[in-house]
Amino acid sequence: MTHVDERALWLVSILSLPMAAACGDSRGRGAAESALGGAGPDTAPGGASGGTATGGTTAANGGRATAGALGGGETGGAATATGGSATAGAAGALGGGETGGVAAGGRSIAGAAGAAGTASTASGAPETTPTGYGQGTTGGGNAKPVAVASMAALAAALDAYSGAGGLVLQFTGKFDFSTIKDPCVQHTLPAQTVEIKNKSDISILGVDGSSANFGIRVVGDSHNVIIRNMTIGLTPGADASDLVSIEGGSAGFPTDVWVDHNELFTSMADCPGAGDTAFDGMIDVKKGADDVTVSYNHLHDHHKMSLNGYTDSDDAVRHITFHHNLIENVGSRTPLQRHGYSHLLNNYFLKVLTSGINVRMGGYALVEGNYFEEVKNPVTSRDSSAVGFWDLRSNNLASAADVAKDNAYKISWDAGSSGTVNATTWTTTAPYPVALGYSYHADPFQCVHDGLRTVVGAGKGLATLKCP
């Protein structure tokens, strides 16, 4: 059995708490409850020093988790207030205690150092059950954790599992990303993935300081799966290299999946012969997969973040909640949504280079309480034969003036291909047509901006954002 330190055992004890499963159809229980407070003060957060802390020590304090110092081997950049908004400085090292940042085309792959929250924000207690469409997810529940230290050991444990009754896998392995000198080599290598296929009631939980160079696929008739506190980066295999893939097929369709508090990254390098396919999807949900929550992840340095719907004809109705994710320095697909329903709540979109939330083929997106900064085409419908619709509520962008030329938030647009509709008037195109079926609290967008970085990703004690 792999040795596990006391902090790792504390993490497992938190993750293994009983989780209350939601019974029945989660979308049939009335309208959502949204309590949205006012904006907090706009003060520039200071730069946090990196050091060698493994994502910060965590302290149990009356059942609460308090995030400590941010990980990394460099000093975080100071935040600079520009046009009323604070821009976080990038750090070099990976969060979760990995060694140094990896040089990719002359730039560092940023970790979770740099900007900290203001005095008006604090970390809250971990969630024991997900908020959102994945609310029924309990994973492996109280099953005794099994420590696995490699991709092979993880795959073997999944293969040996009967498929139901509960499995909790505690990943302790480490990958040194600094050994990858040229990220463009990765797309020439065979893909590495572990697969959860036709099996249910599973949790894959990373120990603080762990890291992986392989993807995780949840496929077929698989249900009730948690992927939490993992650091996954620079996966090999080009268009077969999804970091997290949730995908149906002839055997069935995954449901009830929670992807929470992970750090996922690759590289924004343009590789000869590969382009933006050098690394494929970051979190893809397609071919009938349904009832998914993606929360508190740091998703960064990647061309195509999330594909929801494989093709325009992939019309299975999907329900996905993205909440409290830091989406930073990515190309597009934040997400790309075909058909179905998405709730995008309290995310921070920072430096999106091509297009952001792209709603197509009659899909509906509820875009609520988010913060957009340095984003091109933040909400759009493009590149399909039919447009989608959006309901905009209480984001930092509030009117056409906020997205007009020379705006304070550095929002920009392009015309796109024929048939493109952009949210240049920043108005709702259609009300979200269905009751969400879950309760939630929408945090003020300014608090999201100021404090989210301190609690997203792996190695943060699963802390949540606590706003005044």
Foldseek 3Di string as FASTA:
>chain_A
DDDDDPQLVVLVVLQQAFADADDDQLQPADFADADEDAFDAQDWFFFFQAPQDQQAGWDQDVQATFFGGWHADGTWATWDQFLSHTDWGFDAGAHLRAYTFAQEPNDGFGHLGTGAFDPQWGWTGFDNADFFLLRRANAQHNPDEDEDAALVRVLVVLVPDPQDDGYEYEYEYADHPNVCNYLLVQAVDAAAERENENGERHEYEYGRNHAEQHAYEYEANYERYEYEQYEYESHHHFQVGARYEQEYDPRHHYENYEYFFAEYEYACDQHVPRGLRRHHEHYEHFHQHERYEYEQAEYEHHAAYYHYYDDLPRARAYTYEYALYEYEHYAEPLPAHHHYEYEYALYEDYAHHHAYHAYWNAYEYEHEQAEYALHELRYKHADDPGGYWYAYYQYPDDFLQCQDPPHRRNYHYDPYDPPMDTCNGVHGPDPPDGRRSGYDYGYHSNQSSRHSSSQGHHSRSSIHMDGD
